[in-house]
């Protein structure tokens, strides 16, 4: 009888120690019901309850699932920003190239009285009206793409 009482005491003592070592979480669901559990709830803020004193402290740390989700979202946002940056760089380079070509064409139109073009395998000279039209086109391109 003494051995069974001693054995029972030891089991109770070890059982209480193992319960005290585990974490207990407290959270409230959307309907206002308070829950307790040994696992931190996913998608909810919870408090860690000290089993010995009965006090709780807020757990600002996100659950592992939430941390992984946040890291994935941050990675996706950074990839989108990088993609936009590359697109903006490509657009800026193309605008710079368009600017240079338009300025070169304007220089040619302004420095030569007669402009020869090749159309359909034949060469001809532009009329003064065509030169004026081309000048207006290249000035428009230069105004849009040259940001000096």
C-alpha atoms as a PDB file:
ATOM      1  CA  UNK A   1       0.000   0.000   0.000  1.00  0.00           C
ATOM      2  CA  UNK A   2       2.829   2.367   0.801  1.00  0.00           C
ATOM      3  CA  UNK A   3       4.490   1.658  -2.523  1.00  0.00           C
ATOM      4  CA  UNK A   4       1.306   2.360  -4.491  1.00  0.00           C
ATOM      5  CA  UNK A   5       0.823   5.653  -2.591  1.00  0.00           C
ATOM      6  CA  UNK A   6       4.419   6.632  -3.281  1.00  0.00           C
ATOM      7  CA  UNK A   7       4.022   5.666  -6.928  1.00  0.00           C
ATOM      8  CA  UNK A   8       0.828   7.696  -7.183  1.00  0.00           C
ATOM      9  CA  UNK A   9       2.557  10.717  -5.622  1.00  0.00           C
ATOM     10  CA  UNK A  10       5.411  10.458  -8.103  1.00  0.00           C
ATOM     11  CA  UNK A  11       3.037  10.227 -11.065  1.00  0.00           C
ATOM     12  CA  UNK A  12       1.123  13.295  -9.868  1.00  0.00           C
ATOM     13  CA  UNK A  13       4.340  15.239  -9.275  1.00  0.00           C
ATOM     14  CA  UNK A  14       5.780  14.433 -12.714  1.00  0.00           C
ATOM     15  CA  UNK A  15       2.422  15.068 -14.376  1.00  0.00           C
ATOM     16  CA  UNK A  16       2.163  18.508 -12.773  1.00  0.00           C
ATOM     17  CA  UNK A  17       5.737  19.339 -13.817  1.00  0.00           C
ATOM     18  CA  UNK A  18       5.089  18.399 -17.430  1.00  0.00           C
ATOM     19  CA  UNK A  19       1.902  20.488 -17.511  1.00  0.00           C
ATOM     20  CA  UNK A  20       3.738  23.491 -16.108  1.00  0.00           C
ATOM     21  CA  UNK A  21       6.426  23.270 -18.767  1.00  0.00           C
ATOM     22  CA  UNK A  22       3.961  23.429 -21.680  1.00  0.00           C
ATOM     23  CA  UNK A  23       2.613  26.675 -23.128  1.00  0.00           C
ATOM     24  CA  UNK A  24      -1.055  27.447 -22.977  1.00  0.00           C
ATOM     25  CA  UNK A  25      -2.560  30.007 -25.339  1.00  0.00           C
ATOM     26  CA  UNK A  26      -5.691  32.053 -24.815  1.00  0.00           C
ATOM     27  CA  UNK A  27      -7.600  33.739 -27.657  1.00  0.00           C
ATOM     28  CA  UNK A  28     -11.049  35.047 -28.455  1.00  0.00           C
ATOM     29  CA  UNK A  29     -12.845  34.041 -31.663  1.00  0.00           C
ATOM     30  CA  UNK A  30     -14.986  36.257 -33.908  1.00  0.00           C
ATOM     31  CA  UNK A  31     -18.082  35.521 -31.858  1.00  0.00           C
ATOM     32  CA  UNK A  32     -16.454  36.623 -28.602  1.00  0.00           C
ATOM     33  CA  UNK A  33     -15.914  33.140 -27.185  1.00  0.00           C
ATOM     34  CA  UNK A  34     -12.652  32.703 -25.247  1.00  0.00           C
ATOM     35  CA  UNK A  35     -10.630  29.575 -26.053  1.00  0.00           C
ATOM     36  CA  UNK A  36      -7.591  27.918 -24.478  1.00  0.00           C
ATOM     37  CA  UNK A  37      -5.223  25.558 -26.245  1.00  0.00           C
ATOM     38  CA  UNK A  38      -1.731  24.151 -26.317  1.00  0.00           C
ATOM     39  CA  UNK A  39      -1.118  25.412 -29.888  1.00  0.00           C
ATOM     40  CA  UNK A  40      -0.996  28.992 -31.024  1.00  0.00           C
ATOM     41  CA  UNK A  41      -4.033  29.657 -33.248  1.00  0.00           C
ATOM     42  CA  UNK A  42      -3.518  30.503 -36.904  1.00  0.00           C
ATOM     43  CA  UNK A  43      -4.705  33.934 -37.959  1.00  0.00           C
ATOM     44  CA  UNK A  44      -5.568  35.090 -34.440  1.00  0.00           C
ATOM     45  CA  UNK A  45      -3.698  37.113 -31.877  1.00  0.00           C
ATOM     46  CA  UNK A  46      -3.268  35.171 -28.682  1.00  0.00           C
ATOM     47  CA  UNK A  47      -1.945  35.527 -25.163  1.00  0.00           C
ATOM     48  CA  UNK A  48       0.388  33.087 -23.444  1.00  0.00           C
ATOM     49  CA  UNK A  49      -1.016  31.987 -20.085  1.00  0.00           C
ATOM     50  CA  UNK A  50       1.348  31.219 -17.192  1.00  0.00           C
ATOM     51  CA  UNK A  51      -0.151  28.051 -15.754  1.00  0.00           C
ATOM     52  CA  UNK A  52       1.447  28.557 -12.319  1.00  0.00           C
ATOM     53  CA  UNK A  53       0.242  32.104 -11.652  1.00  0.00           C
ATOM     54  CA  UNK A  54      -2.795  32.192 -13.944  1.00  0.00           C
ATOM     55  CA  UNK A  55      -1.630  35.468 -15.532  1.00  0.00           C
ATOM     56  CA  UNK A  56      -1.396  35.999 -19.249  1.00  0.00           C
ATOM     57  CA  UNK A  57       0.823  38.091 -21.470  1.00  0.00           C
ATOM     58  CA  UNK A  58       0.123  39.195 -24.984  1.00  0.00           C
ATOM     59  CA  UNK A  59       1.899  37.275 -27.702  1.00  0.00           C
ATOM     60  CA  UNK A  60       2.771  39.828 -30.381  1.00  0.00           C
ATOM     61  CA  UNK A  61       4.784  37.237 -32.227  1.00  0.00           C
ATOM     62  CA  UNK A  62       2.962  35.903 -35.270  1.00  0.00           C
ATOM     63  CA  UNK A  63       2.409  32.208 -35.723  1.00  0.00           C
ATOM     64  CA  UNK A  64       4.845  30.355 -37.987  1.00  0.00           C
ATOM     65  CA  UNK A  65       2.223  30.126 -40.747  1.00  0.00           C
ATOM     66  CA  UNK A  66       1.659  33.880 -40.573  1.00  0.00           C
ATOM     67  CA  UNK A  67       5.416  34.519 -40.661  1.00  0.00           C
ATOM     68  CA  UNK A  68       5.813  32.371 -43.789  1.00  0.00           C
ATOM     69  CA  UNK A  69       2.850  34.095 -45.415  1.00  0.00           C
ATOM     70  CA  UNK A  70       4.276  37.538 -44.596  1.00  0.00           C
ATOM     71  CA  UNK A  71       7.673  36.548 -46.023  1.00  0.00           C
ATOM     72  CA  UNK A  72       6.028  35.280 -49.232  1.00  0.00           C
ATOM     73  CA  UNK A  73       4.049  38.502 -49.591  1.00  0.00           C
ATOM     74  CA  UNK A  74       7.174  40.615 -49.037  1.00  0.00           C
ATOM     75  CA  UNK A  75       9.068  38.548 -51.609  1.00  0.00           C
ATOM     76  CA  UNK A  76       6.243  38.997 -54.150  1.00  0.00           C
ATOM     77  CA  UNK A  77       6.126  42.759 -53.537  1.00  0.00           C
ATOM     78  CA  UNK A  78       9.903  43.046 -54.032  1.00  0.00           C
ATOM     79  CA  UNK A  79       9.711  41.026 -57.267  1.00  0.00           C
ATOM     80  CA  UNK A  80       6.951  43.335 -58.543  1.00  0.00           C
ATOM     81  CA  UNK A  81       9.015  46.417 -57.662  1.00  0.00           C
ATOM     82  CA  UNK A  82      12.053  44.936 -59.431  1.00  0.00           C
ATOM     83  CA  UNK A  83       9.939  44.182 -62.498  1.00  0.00           C
ATOM     84  CA  UNK A  84       8.588  47.738 -62.601  1.00  0.00           C
ATOM     85  CA  UNK A  85      12.089  49.152 -62.157  1.00  0.00           C
ATOM     86  CA  UNK A  86      13.401  47.094 -65.088  1.00  0.00           C
ATOM     87  CA  UNK A  87      10.454  48.210 -67.232  1.00  0.00           C
ATOM     88  CA  UNK A  88      11.024  51.852 -66.295  1.00  0.00           C
ATOM     89  CA  UNK A  89      14.721  51.544 -67.161  1.00  0.00           C
ATOM     90  CA  UNK A  90      13.892  50.008 -70.549  1.00  0.00           C
ATOM     91  CA  UNK A  91      11.376  52.772 -71.275  1.00  0.00           C
ATOM     92  CA  UNK A  92      13.889  55.458 -70.275  1.00  0.00           C
ATOM     93  CA  UNK A  93      16.545  53.942 -72.568  1.00  0.00           C
ATOM     94  CA  UNK A  94      14.098  53.792 -75.470  1.00  0.00           C
ATOM     95  CA  UNK A  95      13.036  57.406 -74.894  1.00  0.00           C
ATOM     96  CA  UNK A  96      16.699  58.472 -74.845  1.00  0.00           C
ATOM     97  CA  UNK A  97      17.314  56.650 -78.129  1.00  0.00           C
ATOM     98  CA  UNK A  98      14.207  58.226 -79.702  1.00  0.00           C
ATOM     99  CA  UNK A  99      15.435  61.638 -78.541  1.00  0.00           C
ATOM    100  CA  UNK A 100      18.853  61.164 -80.113  1.00  0.00           C
ATOM    101  CA  UNK A 101      17.368  60.000 -83.437  1.00  0.00           C
ATOM    102  CA  UNK A 102      14.864  62.880 -83.518  1.00  0.00           C
ATOM    103  CA  UNK A 103      17.618  65.442 -82.816  1.00  0.00           C
ATOM    104  CA  UNK A 104      19.832  63.948 -85.538  1.00  0.00           C
ATOM    105  CA  UNK A 105      16.953  64.014 -88.029  1.00  0.00           C
ATOM    106  CA  UNK A 106      16.103  67.618 -87.108  1.00  0.00           C
ATOM    107  CA  UNK A 107      19.747  68.571 -87.581  1.00  0.00           C
ATOM    108  CA  UNK A 108      19.707  66.968 -91.042  1.00  0.00           C
ATOM    109  CA  UNK A 109      16.444  68.697 -91.996  1.00  0.00           C
ATOM    110  CA  UNK A 110      17.757  72.092 -90.822  1.00  0.00           C
ATOM    111  CA  UNK A 111      21.198  71.831 -92.406  1.00  0.00           C
ATOM    112  CA  UNK A 112      20.297  70.524 -95.871  1.00  0.00           C
ATOM    113  CA  UNK A 113      18.108  72.304 -98.385  1.00  0.00           C
ATOM    114  CA  UNK A 114      17.265  69.154-100.310  1.00  0.00           C
ATOM    115  CA  UNK A 115      16.582  65.808 -98.646  1.00  0.00           C
ATOM    116  CA  UNK A 116      16.740  62.612-100.673  1.00  0.00           C
ATOM    117  CA  UNK A 117      14.682  59.601 -99.601  1.00  0.00           C
ATOM    118  CA  UNK A 118      14.408  56.077-100.964  1.00  0.00           C
ATOM    119  CA  UNK A 119      10.882  54.724-101.378  1.00  0.00           C
ATOM    120  CA  UNK A 120      10.056  51.489-103.140  1.00  0.00           C
ATOM    121  CA  UNK A 121      13.560  51.138-104.529  1.00  0.00           C
ATOM    122  CA  UNK A 122      13.493  54.609-106.099  1.00  0.00           C
ATOM    123  CA  UNK A 123      15.121  57.778-104.842  1.00  0.00           C
ATOM    124  CA  UNK A 124      13.391  61.155-104.809  1.00  0.00           C
ATOM    125  CA  UNK A 125      13.682  64.519-103.080  1.00  0.00           C
ATOM    126  CA  UNK A 126      11.249  65.645-100.394  1.00  0.00           C
ATOM    127  CA  UNK A 127       9.086  68.636-101.232  1.00  0.00           C
ATOM    128  CA  UNK A 128       9.235  71.682 -98.929  1.00  0.00           C
ATOM    129  CA  UNK A 129       5.810  70.699 -97.500  1.00  0.00           C
ATOM    130  CA  UNK A 130       7.046  67.180 -96.754  1.00  0.00           C
ATOM    131  CA  UNK A 131      10.169  68.614 -95.105  1.00  0.00           C
ATOM    132  CA  UNK A 132       7.970  70.850 -92.943  1.00  0.00           C
ATOM    133  CA  UNK A 133       5.758  67.864 -91.989  1.00  0.00           C
ATOM    134  CA  UNK A 134       8.804  65.743 -91.090  1.00  0.00           C
ATOM    135  CA  UNK A 135      10.256  68.635 -89.067  1.00  0.00           C
ATOM    136  CA  UNK A 136       7.002  68.914 -87.069  1.00  0.00           C
ATOM    137  CA  UNK A 137       7.013  65.143 -86.431  1.00  0.00           C
ATOM    138  CA  UNK A 138      10.619  65.116 -85.201  1.00  0.00           C
ATOM    139  CA  UNK A 139      10.098  68.222 -83.039  1.00  0.00           C
ATOM    140  CA  UNK A 140       7.102  66.503 -81.415  1.00  0.00           C
ATOM    141  CA  UNK A 141       9.188  63.384 -80.710  1.00  0.00           C
ATOM    142  CA  UNK A 142      12.053  65.505 -79.354  1.00  0.00           C
ATOM    143  CA  UNK A 143       9.681  67.444 -77.081  1.00  0.00           C
ATOM    144  CA  UNK A 144       8.163  64.220 -75.716  1.00  0.00           C
ATOM    145  CA  UNK A 145      11.310  62.126 -75.291  1.00  0.00           C
ATOM    146  CA  UNK A 146      14.091  64.624 -74.585  1.00  0.00           C
ATOM    147  CA  UNK A 147      14.102  65.535 -70.897  1.00  0.00           C
ATOM    148  CA  UNK A 148      17.281  67.663 -70.832  1.00  0.00           C
END
